[in-house]
């Protein structure tokens, strides 16, 4: 089974990781070094950002 291609850009992932405070782990250990909880929070934040953008686009 192949790996799925990521939807989020590396730039967006880095921005969110910095915002959530675990970017230092990413720098030291790569994306595989983050906790599952941090990954979940990163996805949650990306969804929030997308929803906010959709609301701005509507108005």
C-alpha atoms as a PDB file:
ATOM      1  CA  UNK A   1       0.000   0.000   0.000  1.00  0.00           C
ATOM      2  CA  UNK A   2       1.532   3.320  -1.075  1.00  0.00           C
ATOM      3  CA  UNK A   3       1.689   6.463   0.982  1.00  0.00           C
ATOM      4  CA  UNK A   4      -0.957   9.053   0.350  1.00  0.00           C
ATOM      5  CA  UNK A   5       0.178  12.332  -1.078  1.00  0.00           C
ATOM      6  CA  UNK A   6      -0.206  15.189   1.389  1.00  0.00           C
ATOM      7  CA  UNK A   7      -2.869  17.791   0.818  1.00  0.00           C
ATOM      8  CA  UNK A   8      -1.332  20.526   2.960  1.00  0.00           C
ATOM      9  CA  UNK A   9       1.698  22.344   1.619  1.00  0.00           C
ATOM     10  CA  UNK A  10       4.912  22.110   3.593  1.00  0.00           C
ATOM     11  CA  UNK A  11       4.701  25.857   4.181  1.00  0.00           C
ATOM     12  CA  UNK A  12       1.239  25.561   5.734  1.00  0.00           C
ATOM     13  CA  UNK A  13       2.285  22.619   7.899  1.00  0.00           C
ATOM     14  CA  UNK A  14       5.319  24.538   9.153  1.00  0.00           C
ATOM     15  CA  UNK A  15       3.199  27.627   9.880  1.00  0.00           C
ATOM     16  CA  UNK A  16       0.714  25.582  11.912  1.00  0.00           C
ATOM     17  CA  UNK A  17       3.475  23.677  13.724  1.00  0.00           C
ATOM     18  CA  UNK A  18       5.034  27.001  14.752  1.00  0.00           C
ATOM     19  CA  UNK A  19       1.652  28.309  15.887  1.00  0.00           C
ATOM     20  CA  UNK A  20       0.992  25.188  17.960  1.00  0.00           C
ATOM     21  CA  UNK A  21       4.505  25.110  19.415  1.00  0.00           C
ATOM     22  CA  UNK A  22       6.016  21.866  18.135  1.00  0.00           C
ATOM     23  CA  UNK A  23       8.012  23.107  15.157  1.00  0.00           C
ATOM     24  CA  UNK A  24      11.266  22.541  17.062  1.00  0.00           C
ATOM     25  CA  UNK A  25      10.440  18.819  17.158  1.00  0.00           C
ATOM     26  CA  UNK A  26       9.799  18.867  13.412  1.00  0.00           C
ATOM     27  CA  UNK A  27      13.184  20.491  12.834  1.00  0.00           C
ATOM     28  CA  UNK A  28      15.005  17.981  15.037  1.00  0.00           C
ATOM     29  CA  UNK A  29      13.162  14.749  14.214  1.00  0.00           C
ATOM     30  CA  UNK A  30      11.110  15.429  11.091  1.00  0.00           C
ATOM     31  CA  UNK A  31       7.353  15.044  10.777  1.00  0.00           C
ATOM     32  CA  UNK A  32       7.537  11.463  12.019  1.00  0.00           C
ATOM     33  CA  UNK A  33       8.738  12.725  15.390  1.00  0.00           C
ATOM     34  CA  UNK A  34       5.587  14.592  16.334  1.00  0.00           C
ATOM     35  CA  UNK A  35       2.973  13.109  18.650  1.00  0.00           C
ATOM     36  CA  UNK A  36      -0.304  11.839  17.255  1.00  0.00           C
ATOM     37  CA  UNK A  37      -2.092  14.456  19.332  1.00  0.00           C
ATOM     38  CA  UNK A  38      -0.014  17.215  17.715  1.00  0.00           C
ATOM     39  CA  UNK A  39      -0.784  15.831  14.247  1.00  0.00           C
ATOM     40  CA  UNK A  40      -4.485  15.798  15.102  1.00  0.00           C
ATOM     41  CA  UNK A  41      -4.338  19.346  16.405  1.00  0.00           C
ATOM     42  CA  UNK A  42      -2.545  20.398  13.242  1.00  0.00           C
ATOM     43  CA  UNK A  43      -5.321  18.951  11.076  1.00  0.00           C
ATOM     44  CA  UNK A  44      -7.969  20.514  13.306  1.00  0.00           C
ATOM     45  CA  UNK A  45      -6.303  23.928  12.947  1.00  0.00           C
ATOM     46  CA  UNK A  46      -6.026  23.525   9.160  1.00  0.00           C
ATOM     47  CA  UNK A  47      -9.757  22.789   8.975  1.00  0.00           C
ATOM     48  CA  UNK A  48     -10.502  25.865  11.106  1.00  0.00           C
ATOM     49  CA  UNK A  49      -8.354  27.992   8.797  1.00  0.00           C
ATOM     50  CA  UNK A  50     -10.139  26.605   5.714  1.00  0.00           C
ATOM     51  CA  UNK A  51     -13.545  27.303   7.248  1.00  0.00           C
ATOM     52  CA  UNK A  52     -12.505  30.865   8.070  1.00  0.00           C
ATOM     53  CA  UNK A  53     -11.298  31.360   4.498  1.00  0.00           C
ATOM     54  CA  UNK A  54     -14.594  30.037   3.136  1.00  0.00           C
ATOM     55  CA  UNK A  55     -16.505  32.488   5.312  1.00  0.00           C
ATOM     56  CA  UNK A  56     -14.350  35.383   4.068  1.00  0.00           C
ATOM     57  CA  UNK A  57     -14.871  34.257   0.469  1.00  0.00           C
ATOM     58  CA  UNK A  58     -18.667  34.266   0.930  1.00  0.00           C
ATOM     59  CA  UNK A  59     -18.758  37.880   2.059  1.00  0.00           C
END
